[in-house]
Amino acid sequence: MSTPCSPKSGCRIGATEVRIGALALQGDFREHLAVVERLGHEGIEVRTPDELAVADALIIPGGESTAIGRLAVIYELVEPLRRRIVNGMPVLGTCAGMIFLAAGTTGAAQPQLGVLDVIVERNAFGRQVDSFEADLRVVGLDRPLRAVFIRAPWIEKVGGDVEVLAAVDDPSGGGSHPVVVRQDRILATSFHPELTSDDRLHRMLIESVEER
């Protein structure tokens, strides 16, 4: 943990400043770090096991999940990531980050951490031109959350220890699919919370560190 917050730092009075890492191999990690810093906490880019070791929590951003997985292998980050998460480090995975955290996908195999007991379907809502926004009712939040879906996955299968916090209807009429889930200190979304001004999911991540 880092030093306590102060009025000068701009963070919440009485809270503890935490160091939030963002996996900075590919994708929109900078946008996530901007949210972290806006909330008054320290954000760091994580590309090495040493950088991961000093993070109190981690964000795995959206981007291209196969690229993130391949680069994590090249940078020798897969086992350090898996070990930290299994040992209780809070983590937020968004879009591609959710895929990388998952146990598997409905398609071809790709590098994954396998720490989140879900099976994910990549690009489930369609291509880039099918991107959309929706107001979601999320368990634990007092008002709807605006969600931005860009080539978004959904969760096809959920394990017994996974709590579904929000779901979206299949546009083709195939029922609803989870798009926000939580398992222990892992929080994962199909969408990009860093692209709106609503920072409540990032706050949930930070609160997980403070509770720990």
Protein backbone atom coordinates (compact mmCIF):
# COMPACT_ATOMS: atom_id res chain seq x y z
CA MET A 1 0.00 0.00 0.00
CA SER A 2 1.08 3.56 -0.62
CA THR A 3 0.72 6.61 1.62
CA PRO A 4 -2.66 7.81 2.96
CA CYS A 5 -4.62 10.29 0.90
CA SER A 6 -4.63 13.99 1.74
CA PRO A 7 -6.69 17.00 0.61
CA LYS A 8 -3.74 18.10 -1.53
CA SER A 9 -3.66 14.77 -3.39
CA GLY A 10 -7.29 15.12 -4.46
CA CYS A 11 -8.30 11.63 -3.35
CA ARG A 12 -11.04 10.72 -0.93
CA ILE A 13 -10.46 11.93 2.61
CA GLY A 14 -9.93 9.03 5.02
CA ALA A 15 -9.18 6.58 2.19
CA THR A 16 -5.86 4.94 1.37
CA GLU A 17 -4.11 5.71 -1.86
CA VAL A 18 -3.55 2.52 -3.81
CA ARG A 19 -1.35 1.70 -6.76
CA ILE A 20 -3.42 0.40 -9.67
CA GLY A 21 -1.60 -1.26 -12.55
CA ALA A 22 -2.90 -1.51 -16.09
CA LEU A 23 -1.58 -4.28 -18.29
CA ALA A 24 0.10 -2.16 -20.96
CA LEU A 25 0.85 -4.68 -23.70
CA GLN A 26 -1.91 -3.62 -26.10
CA GLY A 27 -5.27 -1.88 -26.01
CA ASP A 28 -6.68 1.17 -24.24
CA PHE A 29 -4.73 0.95 -20.97
CA ARG A 30 -4.05 4.72 -20.95
CA GLU A 31 -7.75 5.52 -20.72
CA HIS A 32 -8.07 3.28 -17.66
CA LEU A 33 -5.07 4.89 -15.99
CA ALA A 34 -6.61 8.32 -16.57
CA VAL A 35 -9.69 7.19 -14.62
CA VAL A 36 -7.53 5.84 -11.79
CA GLU A 37 -5.61 9.09 -11.52
CA ARG A 38 -8.82 11.12 -11.69
CA LEU A 39 -9.96 9.18 -8.62
CA GLY A 40 -6.83 10.26 -6.78
CA HIS A 41 -4.82 7.05 -6.94
CA GLU A 42 -1.53 6.13 -8.55
CA GLY A 43 -1.72 4.38 -11.92
CA ILE A 44 1.21 2.44 -13.36
CA GLU A 45 1.81 0.72 -16.68
CA VAL A 46 2.57 -2.99 -16.25
CA ARG A 47 4.73 -4.78 -18.80
CA THR A 48 7.09 -6.81 -16.62
CA PRO A 49 6.81 -9.11 -13.59
CA ASP A 50 8.65 -6.49 -11.50
CA GLU A 51 6.08 -3.82 -12.38
CA LEU A 52 3.27 -6.26 -11.61
CA ALA A 53 4.81 -7.01 -8.21
CA VAL A 54 4.34 -3.43 -6.96
CA ALA A 55 0.71 -3.10 -8.06
CA ASP A 56 -2.06 -3.42 -5.45
CA ALA A 57 -4.61 -4.26 -8.16
CA LEU A 58 -4.67 -4.67 -11.93
CA ILE A 59 -6.80 -3.62 -14.89
CA ILE A 60 -6.64 -5.74 -18.04
CA PRO A 61 -7.99 -3.45 -20.77
CA GLY A 62 -9.94 -3.90 -23.95
CA GLY A 63 -8.09 -4.37 -27.21
CA GLU A 64 -7.32 -7.56 -29.11
CA SER A 65 -7.43 -10.56 -26.80
CA THR A 66 -5.21 -12.80 -28.93
CA ALA A 67 -2.55 -10.07 -29.13
CA ILE A 68 -2.70 -9.47 -25.38
CA GLY A 69 -2.33 -13.20 -24.75
CA ARG A 70 0.58 -13.66 -27.16
CA LEU A 71 2.42 -10.65 -25.78
CA ALA A 72 1.86 -11.83 -22.20
CA VAL A 73 3.57 -15.08 -23.17
CA ILE A 74 6.49 -13.24 -24.82
CA TYR A 75 6.92 -10.92 -21.80
CA GLU A 76 6.77 -13.94 -19.45
CA LEU A 77 3.79 -12.49 -17.62
CA VAL A 78 1.29 -15.34 -17.79
CA GLU A 79 2.39 -17.24 -14.70
CA PRO A 80 3.09 -14.12 -12.58
CA LEU A 81 -0.36 -12.77 -13.50
CA ARG A 82 -2.06 -16.06 -12.73
CA ARG A 83 -0.25 -16.39 -9.41
CA ARG A 84 -1.08 -12.86 -8.21
CA ILE A 85 -4.75 -13.19 -9.15
CA VAL A 86 -5.13 -16.65 -7.60
CA ASN A 87 -3.53 -15.28 -4.44
CA GLY A 88 -6.19 -12.57 -4.19
CA MET A 89 -5.03 -9.51 -6.09
CA PRO A 90 -8.14 -7.56 -7.20
CA VAL A 91 -8.48 -7.32 -10.97
CA LEU A 92 -10.82 -5.65 -13.45
CA GLY A 93 -10.93 -7.13 -16.96
CA THR A 94 -12.82 -5.25 -19.67
CA CYS A 95 -13.81 -6.62 -23.09
CA ALA A 96 -10.61 -8.33 -24.32
CA GLY A 97 -9.44 -8.31 -20.70
CA MET A 98 -12.42 -10.44 -19.74
CA ILE A 99 -11.54 -12.92 -22.50
CA PHE A 100 -7.92 -13.12 -21.29
CA LEU A 101 -9.08 -13.83 -17.72
CA ALA A 102 -11.57 -16.53 -18.78
CA ALA A 103 -11.25 -20.29 -18.66
CA GLY A 104 -11.95 -20.63 -22.38
CA THR A 105 -13.79 -19.40 -25.46
CA THR A 106 -16.37 -20.95 -27.77
CA GLY A 107 -13.88 -20.65 -30.64
CA ALA A 108 -10.27 -21.57 -31.27
CA ALA A 109 -7.88 -21.86 -28.34
CA GLN A 110 -5.79 -18.83 -27.45
CA PRO A 111 -3.56 -17.83 -24.51
CA GLN A 112 -5.75 -17.26 -21.45
CA LEU A 113 -5.17 -17.04 -17.72
CA GLY A 114 -8.02 -19.39 -16.81
CA VAL A 115 -8.71 -17.67 -13.48
CA LEU A 116 -12.32 -16.67 -14.19
CA ASP A 117 -14.68 -19.65 -14.44
CA VAL A 118 -16.55 -18.59 -17.57
CA ILE A 119 -16.63 -19.49 -21.25
CA VAL A 120 -16.69 -16.44 -23.50
CA GLU A 121 -17.86 -15.94 -27.07
CA ARG A 122 -15.67 -13.41 -28.85
CA ASN A 123 -17.27 -10.66 -31.00
CA ALA A 124 -20.65 -12.00 -29.91
CA PHE A 125 -22.54 -8.78 -30.64
CA GLY A 126 -21.07 -8.43 -34.13
CA ARG A 127 -18.42 -6.38 -35.89
CA GLN A 128 -17.23 -2.83 -35.31
CA VAL A 129 -20.24 -1.43 -37.18
CA ASP A 130 -22.52 -3.23 -34.72
CA SER A 131 -21.12 -1.33 -31.72
CA PHE A 132 -23.78 0.13 -29.42
CA GLU A 133 -24.45 1.68 -26.02
CA ALA A 134 -26.93 0.53 -23.39
CA ASP A 135 -28.02 1.44 -19.86
CA LEU A 136 -27.42 -1.56 -17.60
CA ARG A 137 -28.86 -2.44 -14.24
CA VAL A 138 -25.81 -3.71 -12.34
CA VAL A 139 -26.15 -5.49 -9.01
CA GLY A 140 -24.65 -3.30 -6.31
CA LEU A 141 -25.02 0.00 -8.18
CA ASP A 142 -27.79 2.42 -7.27
CA ARG A 143 -28.57 3.61 -10.79
CA PRO A 144 -28.09 2.33 -14.36
CA LEU A 145 -24.60 2.24 -15.82
CA ARG A 146 -24.01 3.47 -19.37
CA ALA A 147 -22.08 0.74 -21.19
CA VAL A 148 -20.19 1.05 -24.50
CA PHE A 149 -19.99 -2.25 -26.44
CA ILE A 150 -17.36 -2.38 -29.22
CA ARG A 151 -16.86 -5.74 -30.96
CA ALA A 152 -17.92 -7.04 -27.60
CA PRO A 153 -17.90 -10.58 -26.24
CA TRP A 154 -20.54 -12.07 -24.03
CA ILE A 155 -20.40 -14.91 -21.54
CA GLU A 156 -21.80 -18.16 -22.86
CA LYS A 157 -21.32 -20.29 -19.73
CA VAL A 158 -20.88 -19.35 -16.08
CA GLY A 159 -19.28 -21.47 -13.36
CA GLY A 160 -20.84 -22.05 -9.96
CA ASP A 161 -18.67 -19.54 -8.10
CA VAL A 162 -19.36 -16.70 -10.54
CA GLU A 163 -21.94 -14.03 -9.70
CA VAL A 164 -23.76 -12.44 -12.64
CA LEU A 165 -24.13 -8.69 -12.01
CA ALA A 166 -25.70 -7.67 -15.34
CA ALA A 167 -26.93 -9.25 -18.57
CA VAL A 168 -27.96 -8.06 -22.04
CA ASP A 169 -30.52 -9.58 -24.40
CA ASP A 170 -29.23 -11.31 -27.51
CA PRO A 171 -30.20 -9.04 -30.46
CA SER A 172 -31.14 -12.13 -32.47
CA GLY A 173 -33.60 -13.27 -29.81
CA GLY A 174 -31.46 -15.99 -28.24
CA GLY A 175 -32.11 -14.98 -24.63
CA SER A 176 -29.91 -12.93 -22.33
CA HIS A 177 -26.18 -13.23 -21.77
CA PRO A 178 -24.05 -12.06 -18.81
CA VAL A 179 -21.92 -8.99 -19.50
CA VAL A 180 -20.76 -8.14 -15.96
CA VAL A 181 -19.59 -10.87 -13.58
CA ARG A 182 -17.68 -11.18 -10.33
CA GLN A 183 -15.74 -14.09 -8.87
CA ASP A 184 -14.02 -13.40 -5.56
CA ARG A 185 -11.91 -10.29 -6.31
CA ILE A 186 -12.18 -10.63 -10.10
CA LEU A 187 -14.56 -8.19 -11.79
CA ALA A 188 -15.09 -8.52 -15.54
CA THR A 189 -17.17 -6.69 -18.14
CA SER A 190 -17.94 -7.17 -21.84
CA PHE A 191 -17.83 -3.42 -22.43
CA HIS A 192 -15.54 -0.40 -21.98
CA PRO A 193 -16.26 1.49 -18.74
CA GLU A 194 -13.25 3.73 -19.31
CA LEU A 195 -14.98 5.39 -22.28
CA THR A 196 -17.64 7.14 -20.18
CA SER A 197 -17.51 9.50 -17.22
CA ASP A 198 -19.04 6.85 -14.94
CA ASP A 199 -16.20 5.53 -12.77
CA ARG A 200 -18.18 3.28 -10.43
CA LEU A 201 -16.63 0.02 -11.66
CA HIS A 202 -13.15 1.44 -11.16
CA ARG A 203 -14.25 2.49 -7.68
CA MET A 204 -15.39 -1.08 -7.02
CA LEU A 205 -11.90 -2.28 -7.93
CA ILE A 206 -10.26 0.26 -5.62
CA GLU A 207 -12.66 -0.62 -2.79
CA SER A 208 -11.65 -4.29 -3.17
CA VAL A 209 -8.06 -3.28 -2.43
CA GLU A 210 -9.07 -1.18 0.57
CA GLU A 211 -11.22 -4.01 1.98
CA ARG A 212 -8.31 -6.38 1.61
